[in-house]
């Protein structure tokens, strides 16, 4: 016979901390002329997930495990790893001389 289980132990699926759903990387080399090159790389990553706690100081499981402090003062539970950070963008460029000196 089924019985109620604490929501923290039940069907509580969530994406992992630091999960990044999308990522793209582009790179290339351009021969400028006279033995000079310009190379670059562009990186984009969607926002990573962060662990979220309620800040109410109440444990949902009373076991002290990480992620067990998601109980709000009104009795609802904060969704697991539901905070998504800002996207990450990076551009690196490098000039080079390939002509013999």
PDB file of N, CA and C in Angstrom:
ATOM      1  N   UNK A   1       0.841  -1.174   0.000  1.00  0.00           N
ATOM      2  CA  UNK A   1       0.000   0.000   0.000  1.00  0.00           C
ATOM      3  C   UNK A   1       0.893   1.246   0.000  1.00  0.00           C
ATOM      4  N   UNK A   2       0.671   2.191  -0.941  1.00  0.00           N
ATOM      5  CA  UNK A   2       1.492   3.395  -1.003  1.00  0.00           C
ATOM      6  C   UNK A   2       1.289   4.305   0.201  1.00  0.00           C
ATOM      7  N   UNK A   3       2.313   5.029   0.533  1.00  0.00           N
ATOM      8  CA  UNK A   3       2.228   5.986   1.635  1.00  0.00           C
ATOM      9  C   UNK A   3       2.937   7.267   1.210  1.00  0.00           C
ATOM     10  N   UNK A   4       2.587   8.414   1.794  1.00  0.00           N
ATOM     11  CA  UNK A   4       3.201   9.682   1.394  1.00  0.00           C
ATOM     12  C   UNK A   4       4.676   9.735   1.796  1.00  0.00           C
ATOM     13  N   UNK A   5       5.471  10.299   0.899  1.00  0.00           N
ATOM     14  CA  UNK A   5       6.900  10.440   1.136  1.00  0.00           C
ATOM     15  C   UNK A   5       7.239  11.929   1.104  1.00  0.00           C
ATOM     16  N   UNK A   6       8.182  12.327   1.929  1.00  0.00           N
ATOM     17  CA  UNK A   6       8.652  13.707   1.922  1.00  0.00           C
ATOM     18  C   UNK A   6       9.067  14.074   0.496  1.00  0.00           C
ATOM     19  N   UNK A   7       8.658  15.260   0.025  1.00  0.00           N
ATOM     20  CA  UNK A   7       8.925  15.672  -1.353  1.00  0.00           C
ATOM     21  C   UNK A   7      10.413  15.688  -1.685  1.00  0.00           C
ATOM     22  N   UNK A   8      11.268  15.895  -0.690  1.00  0.00           N
ATOM     23  CA  UNK A   8      12.712  15.902  -0.936  1.00  0.00           C
ATOM     24  C   UNK A   8      13.218  14.512  -1.326  1.00  0.00           C
ATOM     25  N   UNK A   9      12.486  13.454  -0.958  1.00  0.00           N
ATOM     26  CA  UNK A   9      12.877  12.089  -1.302  1.00  0.00           C
ATOM     27  C   UNK A   9      12.110  11.542  -2.491  1.00  0.00           C
ATOM     28  N   UNK A  10      11.013  12.177  -2.850  1.00  0.00           N
ATOM     29  CA  UNK A  10      10.128  11.669  -3.893  1.00  0.00           C
ATOM     30  C   UNK A  10      10.658  11.898  -5.291  1.00  0.00           C
ATOM     31  N   UNK A  11       9.736  12.050  -6.227  1.00  0.00           N
ATOM     32  CA  UNK A  11      10.069  12.245  -7.632  1.00  0.00           C
ATOM     33  C   UNK A  11      10.525  13.685  -7.840  1.00  0.00           C
ATOM     34  N   UNK A  12      11.719  13.990  -7.383  1.00  0.00           N
ATOM     35  CA  UNK A  12      12.232  15.353  -7.360  1.00  0.00           C
ATOM     36  C   UNK A  12      13.447  15.445  -8.267  1.00  0.00           C
ATOM     37  N   UNK A  13      13.215  15.371  -9.591  1.00  0.00           N
ATOM     38  CA  UNK A  13      14.312  15.417 -10.551  1.00  0.00           C
ATOM     39  C   UNK A  13      14.716  16.858 -10.790  1.00  0.00           C
ATOM     40  N   UNK A  14      15.987  17.085 -10.938  1.00  0.00           N
ATOM     41  CA  UNK A  14      16.479  18.411 -11.289  1.00  0.00           C
ATOM     42  C   UNK A  14      17.816  18.288 -11.994  1.00  0.00           C
ATOM     43  N   UNK A  15      18.117  19.266 -12.832  1.00  0.00           N
ATOM     44  CA  UNK A  15      19.405  19.266 -13.520  1.00  0.00           C
ATOM     45  C   UNK A  15      20.524  19.500 -12.513  1.00  0.00           C
ATOM     46  N   UNK A  16      21.703  19.027 -12.831  1.00  0.00           N
ATOM     47  CA  UNK A  16      22.836  19.106 -11.914  1.00  0.00           C
ATOM     48  C   UNK A  16      23.350  20.541 -11.775  1.00  0.00           C
ATOM     49  N   UNK A  17      23.998  20.802 -10.651  1.00  0.00           N
ATOM     50  CA  UNK A  17      24.679  22.076 -10.464  1.00  0.00           C
ATOM     51  C   UNK A  17      25.772  22.157 -11.526  1.00  0.00           C
ATOM     52  N   UNK A  18      25.988  23.312 -12.083  1.00  0.00           N
ATOM     53  CA  UNK A  18      26.944  23.594 -13.160  1.00  0.00           C
ATOM     54  C   UNK A  18      26.526  22.998 -14.503  1.00  0.00           C
ATOM     55  N   UNK A  19      25.274  22.528 -14.622  1.00  0.00           N
ATOM     56  CA  UNK A  19      24.787  22.034 -15.906  1.00  0.00           C
ATOM     57  C   UNK A  19      24.713  23.201 -16.886  1.00  0.00           C
ATOM     58  N   UNK A  20      25.234  22.991 -18.066  1.00  0.00           N
ATOM     59  CA  UNK A  20      25.218  24.027 -19.104  1.00  0.00           C
ATOM     60  C   UNK A  20      24.556  23.404 -20.338  1.00  0.00           C
ATOM     61  N   UNK A  21      23.364  23.878 -20.665  1.00  0.00           N
ATOM     62  CA  UNK A  21      22.567  23.273 -21.727  1.00  0.00           C
ATOM     63  C   UNK A  21      23.152  23.482 -23.114  1.00  0.00           C
ATOM     64  N   UNK A  22      23.704  24.641 -23.412  1.00  0.00           N
ATOM     65  CA  UNK A  22      24.163  24.931 -24.765  1.00  0.00           C
ATOM     66  C   UNK A  22      25.572  25.512 -24.740  1.00  0.00           C
ATOM     67  N   UNK A  23      26.348  25.137 -25.767  1.00  0.00           N
ATOM     68  CA  UNK A  23      27.722  25.614 -25.879  1.00  0.00           C
ATOM     69  C   UNK A  23      28.102  25.645 -27.357  1.00  0.00           C
ATOM     70  N   UNK A  24      28.793  26.701 -27.754  1.00  0.00           N
ATOM     71  CA  UNK A  24      29.251  26.807 -29.143  1.00  0.00           C
ATOM     72  C   UNK A  24      30.646  27.431 -29.142  1.00  0.00           C
ATOM     73  N   UNK A  25      31.516  26.913 -30.012  1.00  0.00           N
ATOM     74  CA  UNK A  25      32.876  27.421 -30.137  1.00  0.00           C
ATOM     75  C   UNK A  25      33.196  27.565 -31.622  1.00  0.00           C
ATOM     76  N   UNK A  26      33.697  28.736 -32.005  1.00  0.00           N
ATOM     77  CA  UNK A  26      34.114  28.997 -33.377  1.00  0.00           C
ATOM     78  C   UNK A  26      35.560  29.481 -33.351  1.00  0.00           C
ATOM     79  N   UNK A  27      36.353  29.005 -34.305  1.00  0.00           N
ATOM     80  CA  UNK A  27      37.727  29.489 -34.399  1.00  0.00           C
ATOM     81  C   UNK A  27      38.144  29.597 -35.858  1.00  0.00           C
ATOM     82  N   UNK A  28      39.184  30.371 -36.099  1.00  0.00           N
ATOM     83  CA  UNK A  28      39.647  30.528 -37.472  1.00  0.00           C
ATOM     84  C   UNK A  28      40.993  31.218 -37.527  1.00  0.00           C
ATOM     85  N   UNK A  29      41.638  31.094 -38.693  1.00  0.00           N
ATOM     86  CA  UNK A  29      42.928  31.743 -38.943  1.00  0.00           C
ATOM     87  C   UNK A  29      42.799  32.500 -40.265  1.00  0.00           C
ATOM     88  N   UNK A  30      43.242  33.747 -40.275  1.00  0.00           N
ATOM     89  CA  UNK A  30      43.182  34.593 -41.473  1.00  0.00           C
ATOM     90  C   UNK A  30      44.594  34.974 -41.861  1.00  0.00           C
ATOM     91  N   UNK A  31      44.954  34.656 -43.098  1.00  0.00           N
ATOM     92  CA  UNK A  31      46.253  35.049 -43.648  1.00  0.00           C
ATOM     93  C   UNK A  31      46.127  36.492 -44.121  1.00  0.00           C
ATOM     94  N   UNK A  32      46.691  37.437 -43.380  1.00  0.00           N
ATOM     95  CA  UNK A  32      46.562  38.856 -43.685  1.00  0.00           C
ATOM     96  C   UNK A  32      47.422  39.215 -44.892  1.00  0.00           C
ATOM     97  N   UNK A  33      48.559  38.626 -44.989  1.00  0.00           N
ATOM     98  CA  UNK A  33      49.488  38.920 -46.075  1.00  0.00           C
ATOM     99  C   UNK A  33      50.856  39.269 -45.511  1.00  0.00           C
ATOM    100  N   UNK A  34      51.882  39.194 -46.349  1.00  0.00           N
ATOM    101  CA  UNK A  34      53.261  39.505 -45.941  1.00  0.00           C
ATOM    102  C   UNK A  34      53.720  38.660 -44.750  1.00  0.00           C
ATOM    103  N   UNK A  35      53.218  37.432 -44.651  1.00  0.00           N
ATOM    104  CA  UNK A  35      53.630  36.526 -43.580  1.00  0.00           C
ATOM    105  C   UNK A  35      52.931  36.743 -42.252  1.00  0.00           C
ATOM    106  N   UNK A  36      51.910  37.562 -42.228  1.00  0.00           N
ATOM    107  CA  UNK A  36      51.187  37.800 -40.972  1.00  0.00           C
ATOM    108  C   UNK A  36      49.868  37.022 -40.954  1.00  0.00           C
ATOM    109  N   UNK A  37      49.530  36.541 -39.770  1.00  0.00           N
ATOM    110  CA  UNK A  37      48.282  35.817 -39.553  1.00  0.00           C
ATOM    111  C   UNK A  37      47.542  36.433 -38.368  1.00  0.00           C
ATOM    112  N   UNK A  38      46.236  36.305 -38.405  1.00  0.00           N
ATOM    113  CA  UNK A  38      45.393  36.713 -37.282  1.00  0.00           C
ATOM    114  C   UNK A  38      44.482  35.537 -36.978  1.00  0.00           C
ATOM    115  N   UNK A  39      44.569  35.032 -35.755  1.00  0.00           N
ATOM    116  CA  UNK A  39      43.732  33.896 -35.373  1.00  0.00           C
ATOM    117  C   UNK A  39      42.841  34.314 -34.209  1.00  0.00           C
ATOM    118  N   UNK A  40      41.727  33.629 -34.099  1.00  0.00           N
ATOM    119  CA  UNK A  40      40.810  33.959 -33.027  1.00  0.00           C
ATOM    120  C   UNK A  40      39.901  32.793 -32.673  1.00  0.00           C
ATOM    121  N   UNK A  41      39.331  32.887 -31.490  1.00  0.00           N
ATOM    122  CA  UNK A  41      38.379  31.882 -31.024  1.00  0.00           C
ATOM    123  C   UNK A  41      37.271  32.603 -30.258  1.00  0.00           C
ATOM    124  N   UNK A  42      36.028  32.207 -30.526  1.00  0.00           N
ATOM    125  CA  UNK A  42      34.868  32.764 -29.838  1.00  0.00           C
ATOM    126  C   UNK A  42      34.159  31.623 -29.125  1.00  0.00           C
ATOM    127  N   UNK A  43      33.864  31.822 -27.875  1.00  0.00           N
ATOM    128  CA  UNK A  43      33.198  30.812 -27.050  1.00  0.00           C
ATOM    129  C   UNK A  43      31.904  31.384 -26.506  1.00  0.00           C
ATOM    130  N   UNK A  44      30.820  30.616 -26.599  1.00  0.00           N
ATOM    131  CA  UNK A  44      29.544  30.985 -25.985  1.00  0.00           C
ATOM    132  C   UNK A  44      29.059  29.796 -25.181  1.00  0.00           C
ATOM    133  N   UNK A  45      28.624  30.044 -23.972  1.00  0.00           N
ATOM    134  CA  UNK A  45      28.019  29.021 -23.138  1.00  0.00           C
ATOM    135  C   UNK A  45      26.791  29.591 -22.454  1.00  0.00           C
ATOM    136  N   UNK A  46      25.685  28.855 -22.509  1.00  0.00           N
ATOM    137  CA  UNK A  46      24.480  29.330 -21.829  1.00  0.00           C
ATOM    138  C   UNK A  46      24.720  29.323 -20.327  1.00  0.00           C
ATOM    139  N   UNK A  47      23.862  29.984 -19.590  1.00  0.00           N
ATOM    140  CA  UNK A  47      24.043  30.108 -18.145  1.00  0.00           C
ATOM    141  C   UNK A  47      24.086  28.774 -17.424  1.00  0.00           C
ATOM    142  N   UNK A  48      24.959  28.668 -16.441  1.00  0.00           N
ATOM    143  CA  UNK A  48      25.063  27.446 -15.643  1.00  0.00           C
ATOM    144  C   UNK A  48      24.043  27.482 -14.511  1.00  0.00           C
ATOM    145  N   UNK A  49      23.687  26.318 -14.014  1.00  0.00           N
ATOM    146  CA  UNK A  49      22.735  26.208 -12.907  1.00  0.00           C
ATOM    147  C   UNK A  49      23.478  26.285 -11.575  1.00  0.00           C
ATOM    148  N   UNK A  50      22.794  26.831 -10.579  1.00  0.00           N
ATOM    149  CA  UNK A  50      23.354  26.968  -9.245  1.00  0.00           C
ATOM    150  C   UNK A  50      22.415  26.330  -8.227  1.00  0.00           C
ATOM    151  N   UNK A  51      22.989  25.833  -7.146  1.00  0.00           N
ATOM    152  CA  UNK A  51      22.175  25.275  -6.066  1.00  0.00           C
ATOM    153  C   UNK A  51      21.395  26.401  -5.393  1.00  0.00           C
ATOM    154  N   UNK A  52      20.153  26.123  -5.022  1.00  0.00           N
ATOM    155  CA  UNK A  52      19.285  27.122  -4.417  1.00  0.00           C
ATOM    156  C   UNK A  52      18.835  26.626  -3.054  1.00  0.00           C
ATOM    157  N   UNK A  53      18.868  27.513  -2.077  1.00  0.00           N
ATOM    158  CA  UNK A  53      18.333  27.199  -0.753  1.00  0.00           C
ATOM    159  C   UNK A  53      17.288  28.237  -0.390  1.00  0.00           C
ATOM    160  N   UNK A  54      16.458  27.917   0.577  1.00  0.00           N
ATOM    161  CA  UNK A  54      15.366  28.829   0.921  1.00  0.00           C
ATOM    162  C   UNK A  54      15.832  29.976   1.800  1.00  0.00           C
ATOM    163  N   UNK A  55      16.862  29.769   2.591  1.00  0.00           N
ATOM    164  CA  UNK A  55      17.313  30.801   3.511  1.00  0.00           C
ATOM    165  C   UNK A  55      16.467  30.873   4.768  1.00  0.00           C
ATOM    166  N   UNK A  56      15.494  29.968   4.897  1.00  0.00           N
ATOM    167  CA  UNK A  56      14.617  29.971   6.067  1.00  0.00           C
ATOM    168  C   UNK A  56      15.252  29.254   7.255  1.00  0.00           C
ATOM    169  N   UNK A  57      16.355  28.551   7.004  1.00  0.00           N
ATOM    170  CA  UNK A  57      17.039  27.851   8.095  1.00  0.00           C
ATOM    171  C   UNK A  57      16.318  26.592   8.543  1.00  0.00           C
ATOM    172  N   UNK A  58      15.462  26.025   7.676  1.00  0.00           N
ATOM    173  CA  UNK A  58      14.707  24.825   8.008  1.00  0.00           C
ATOM    174  C   UNK A  58      15.162  23.711   7.080  1.00  0.00           C
ATOM    175  N   UNK A  59      15.406  22.533   7.611  1.00  0.00           N
ATOM    176  CA  UNK A  59      15.809  21.400   6.793  1.00  0.00           C
ATOM    177  C   UNK A  59      14.577  20.601   6.394  1.00  0.00           C
ATOM    178  N   UNK A  60      14.505  20.183   5.112  1.00  0.00           N
ATOM    179  CA  UNK A  60      13.339  19.408   4.661  1.00  0.00           C
ATOM    180  C   UNK A  60      13.454  17.951   5.049  1.00  0.00           C
ATOM    181  N   UNK A  61      14.654  17.465   5.285  1.00  0.00           N
ATOM    182  CA  UNK A  61      14.830  16.043   5.545  1.00  0.00           C
ATOM    183  C   UNK A  61      15.342  15.743   6.944  1.00  0.00           C
ATOM    184  N   UNK A  62      15.847  16.746   7.616  1.00  0.00           N
ATOM    185  CA  UNK A  62      16.426  16.584   8.956  1.00  0.00           C
ATOM    186  C   UNK A  62      17.610  15.636   8.963  1.00  0.00           C
ATOM    187  N   UNK A  63      18.267  15.474   7.799  1.00  0.00           N
ATOM    188  CA  UNK A  63      19.445  14.604   7.748  1.00  0.00           C
ATOM    189  C   UNK A  63      20.722  15.404   7.565  1.00  0.00           C
ATOM    190  N   UNK A  64      20.604  16.708   7.261  1.00  0.00           N
ATOM    191  CA  UNK A  64      21.778  17.552   7.123  1.00  0.00           C
ATOM    192  C   UNK A  64      22.524  17.365   5.828  1.00  0.00           C
ATOM    193  N   UNK A  65      21.934  16.682   4.863  1.00  0.00           N
ATOM    194  CA  UNK A  65      22.604  16.458   3.585  1.00  0.00           C
ATOM    195  C   UNK A  65      22.568  17.722   2.744  1.00  0.00           C
ATOM    196  N   UNK A  66      23.522  17.835   1.829  1.00  0.00           N
ATOM    197  CA  UNK A  66      23.543  18.982   0.921  1.00  0.00           C
ATOM    198  C   UNK A  66      22.261  19.013   0.104  1.00  0.00           C
ATOM    199  N   UNK A  67      21.706  20.194  -0.050  1.00  0.00           N
ATOM    200  CA  UNK A  67      20.471  20.332  -0.813  1.00  0.00           C
ATOM    201  C   UNK A  67      19.219  20.042  -0.023  1.00  0.00           C
ATOM    202  N   UNK A  68      19.348  19.761   1.271  1.00  0.00           N
ATOM    203  CA  UNK A  68      18.164  19.435   2.066  1.00  0.00           C
ATOM    204  C   UNK A  68      17.555  20.663   2.730  1.00  0.00           C
ATOM    205  N   UNK A  69      18.111  21.840   2.499  1.00  0.00           N
ATOM    206  CA  UNK A  69      17.593  23.058   3.118  1.00  0.00           C
ATOM    207  C   UNK A  69      16.797  23.880   2.110  1.00  0.00           C
ATOM    208  N   UNK A  70      15.825  23.227   1.432  1.00  0.00           N
ATOM    209  CA  UNK A  70      15.037  23.883   0.393  1.00  0.00           C
ATOM    210  C   UNK A  70      13.604  24.153   0.828  1.00  0.00           C
ATOM    211  N   UNK A  71      13.293  23.977   2.100  1.00  0.00           N
ATOM    212  CA  UNK A  71      11.938  24.206   2.600  1.00  0.00           C
ATOM    213  C   UNK A  71      11.732  25.683   2.894  1.00  0.00           C
ATOM    214  N   UNK A  72      10.717  26.267   2.257  1.00  0.00           N
ATOM    215  CA  UNK A  72      10.374  27.665   2.521  1.00  0.00           C
ATOM    216  C   UNK A  72       9.574  27.763   3.808  1.00  0.00           C
ATOM    217  N   UNK A  73       9.461  28.978   4.327  1.00  0.00           N
ATOM    218  CA  UNK A  73       8.714  29.202   5.562  1.00  0.00           C
ATOM    219  C   UNK A  73       7.228  28.859   5.395  1.00  0.00           C
ATOM    220  N   UNK A  74       6.701  28.947   4.158  1.00  0.00           N
ATOM    221  CA  UNK A  74       5.278  28.640   3.945  1.00  0.00           C
ATOM    222  C   UNK A  74       5.028  27.153   3.696  1.00  0.00           C
ATOM    223  N   UNK A  75       6.066  26.318   3.774  1.00  0.00           N
ATOM    224  CA  UNK A  75       5.917  24.872   3.639  1.00  0.00           C
ATOM    225  C   UNK A  75       6.168  24.333   2.245  1.00  0.00           C
ATOM    226  N   UNK A  76       6.333  25.174   1.236  1.00  0.00           N
ATOM    227  CA  UNK A  76       6.638  24.695  -0.106  1.00  0.00           C
ATOM    228  C   UNK A  76       8.141  24.454  -0.243  1.00  0.00           C
ATOM    229  N   UNK A  77       8.508  23.705  -1.248  1.00  0.00           N
ATOM    230  CA  UNK A  77       9.917  23.351  -1.440  1.00  0.00           C
ATOM    231  C   UNK A  77      10.464  24.060  -2.669  1.00  0.00           C
ATOM    232  N   UNK A  78      11.649  24.642  -2.544  1.00  0.00           N
ATOM    233  CA  UNK A  78      12.321  25.321  -3.647  1.00  0.00           C
ATOM    234  C   UNK A  78      12.764  24.266  -4.658  1.00  0.00           C
ATOM    235  N   UNK A  79      12.535  24.540  -5.942  1.00  0.00           N
ATOM    236  CA  UNK A  79      12.926  23.618  -6.997  1.00  0.00           C
ATOM    237  C   UNK A  79      14.434  23.407  -6.992  1.00  0.00           C
ATOM    238  N   UNK A  80      14.866  22.188  -7.192  1.00  0.00           N
ATOM    239  CA  UNK A  80      16.290  21.843  -7.144  1.00  0.00           C
ATOM    240  C   UNK A  80      17.068  22.527  -8.270  1.00  0.00           C
ATOM    241  N   UNK A  81      18.169  23.201  -7.935  1.00  0.00           N
ATOM    242  CA  UNK A  81      19.084  23.844  -8.890  1.00  0.00           C
ATOM    243  C   UNK A  81      18.335  24.691  -9.920  1.00  0.00           C
ATOM    244  N   UNK A  82      17.399  25.494  -9.458  1.00  0.00           N
ATOM    245  CA  UNK A  82      16.523  26.233 -10.368  1.00  0.00           C
ATOM    246  C   UNK A  82      17.051  27.618 -10.751  1.00  0.00           C
ATOM    247  N   UNK A  83      18.139  28.062 -10.170  1.00  0.00           N
ATOM    248  CA  UNK A  83      18.686  29.375 -10.511  1.00  0.00           C
ATOM    249  C   UNK A  83      19.672  29.216 -11.661  1.00  0.00           C
ATOM    250  N   UNK A  84      19.440  29.952 -12.748  1.00  0.00           N
ATOM    251  CA  UNK A  84      20.304  29.871 -13.926  1.00  0.00           C
ATOM    252  C   UNK A  84      21.064  31.188 -14.061  1.00  0.00           C
ATOM    253  N   UNK A  85      22.376  31.104 -14.155  1.00  0.00           N
ATOM    254  CA  UNK A  85      23.212  32.292 -14.265  1.00  0.00           C
ATOM    255  C   UNK A  85      23.199  32.889 -15.660  1.00  0.00           C
ATOM    256  N   UNK A  86      23.945  33.946 -15.831  1.00  0.00           N
ATOM    257  CA  UNK A  86      24.037  34.641 -17.112  1.00  0.00           C
ATOM    258  C   UNK A  86      24.892  33.849 -18.097  1.00  0.00           C
ATOM    259  N   UNK A  87      24.639  34.011 -19.403  1.00  0.00           N
ATOM    260  CA  UNK A  87      25.474  33.330 -20.405  1.00  0.00           C
ATOM    261  C   UNK A  87      26.926  33.809 -20.336  1.00  0.00           C
ATOM    262  N   UNK A  88      27.827  32.954 -20.789  1.00  0.00           N
ATOM    263  CA  UNK A  88      29.255  33.249 -20.792  1.00  0.00           C
ATOM    264  C   UNK A  88      29.683  33.457 -22.239  1.00  0.00           C
ATOM    265  N   UNK A  89      30.385  34.551 -22.493  1.00  0.00           N
ATOM    266  CA  UNK A  89      30.911  34.828 -23.834  1.00  0.00           C
ATOM    267  C   UNK A  89      32.387  35.196 -23.702  1.00  0.00           C
ATOM    268  N   UNK A  90      33.207  34.674 -24.633  1.00  0.00           N
ATOM    269  CA  UNK A  90      34.636  34.989 -24.579  1.00  0.00           C
ATOM    270  C   UNK A  90      35.178  35.062 -26.004  1.00  0.00           C
ATOM    271  N   UNK A  91      36.008  36.059 -26.266  1.00  0.00           N
ATOM    272  CA  UNK A  91      36.653  36.222 -27.563  1.00  0.00           C
ATOM    273  C   UNK A  91      38.141  36.416 -27.327  1.00  0.00           C
ATOM    274  N   UNK A  92      38.946  35.573 -27.930  1.00  0.00           N
ATOM    275  CA  UNK A  92      40.400  35.677 -27.833  1.00  0.00           C
ATOM    276  C   UNK A  92      40.961  35.819 -29.248  1.00  0.00           C
ATOM    277  N   UNK A  93      41.877  36.785 -29.428  1.00  0.00           N
ATOM    278  CA  UNK A  93      42.512  36.982 -30.735  1.00  0.00           C
ATOM    279  C   UNK A  93      44.024  37.001 -30.556  1.00  0.00           C
ATOM    280  N   UNK A  94      44.739  36.592 -31.639  1.00  0.00           N
ATOM    281  CA  UNK A  94      46.195  36.530 -31.555  1.00  0.00           C
ATOM    282  C   UNK A  94      46.797  36.834 -32.919  1.00  0.00           C
ATOM    283  N   UNK A  95      47.646  37.862 -32.986  1.00  0.00           N
ATOM    284  CA  UNK A  95      48.388  38.090 -34.233  1.00  0.00           C
ATOM    285  C   UNK A  95      49.658  37.242 -34.228  1.00  0.00           C
ATOM    286  N   UNK A  96      50.100  36.854 -35.401  1.00  0.00           N
ATOM    287  CA  UNK A  96      51.326  36.050 -35.493  1.00  0.00           C
ATOM    288  C   UNK A  96      52.048  36.397 -36.791  1.00  0.00           C
ATOM    289  N   UNK A  97      53.335  36.195 -36.776  1.00  0.00           N
ATOM    290  CA  UNK A  97      54.168  36.423 -37.945  1.00  0.00           C
ATOM    291  C   UNK A  97      54.767  35.077 -38.352  1.00  0.00           C
ATOM    292  N   UNK A  98      54.428  34.621 -39.565  1.00  0.00           N
ATOM    293  CA  UNK A  98      54.943  33.341 -40.007  1.00  0.00           C
ATOM    294  C   UNK A  98      56.116  33.488 -40.997  1.00  0.00           C
ATOM    295  N   UNK A  99      56.479  34.733 -41.292  1.00  0.00           N
ATOM    296  CA  UNK A  99      57.593  34.980 -42.212  1.00  0.00           C
ATOM    297  C   UNK A  99      58.914  34.696 -41.524  1.00  0.00           C
ATOM    298  N   UNK A 100      59.897  34.157 -42.230  1.00  0.00           N
ATOM    299  CA  UNK A 100      61.214  33.920 -41.618  1.00  0.00           C
ATOM    300  C   UNK A 100      61.894  35.248 -41.288  1.00  0.00           C
ATOM    301  N   UNK A 101      62.587  35.278 -40.172  1.00  0.00           N
ATOM    302  CA  UNK A 101      63.247  36.502 -39.724  1.00  0.00           C
ATOM    303  C   UNK A 101      64.691  36.491 -40.133  1.00  0.00           C
TER     304      UNK A 101
END
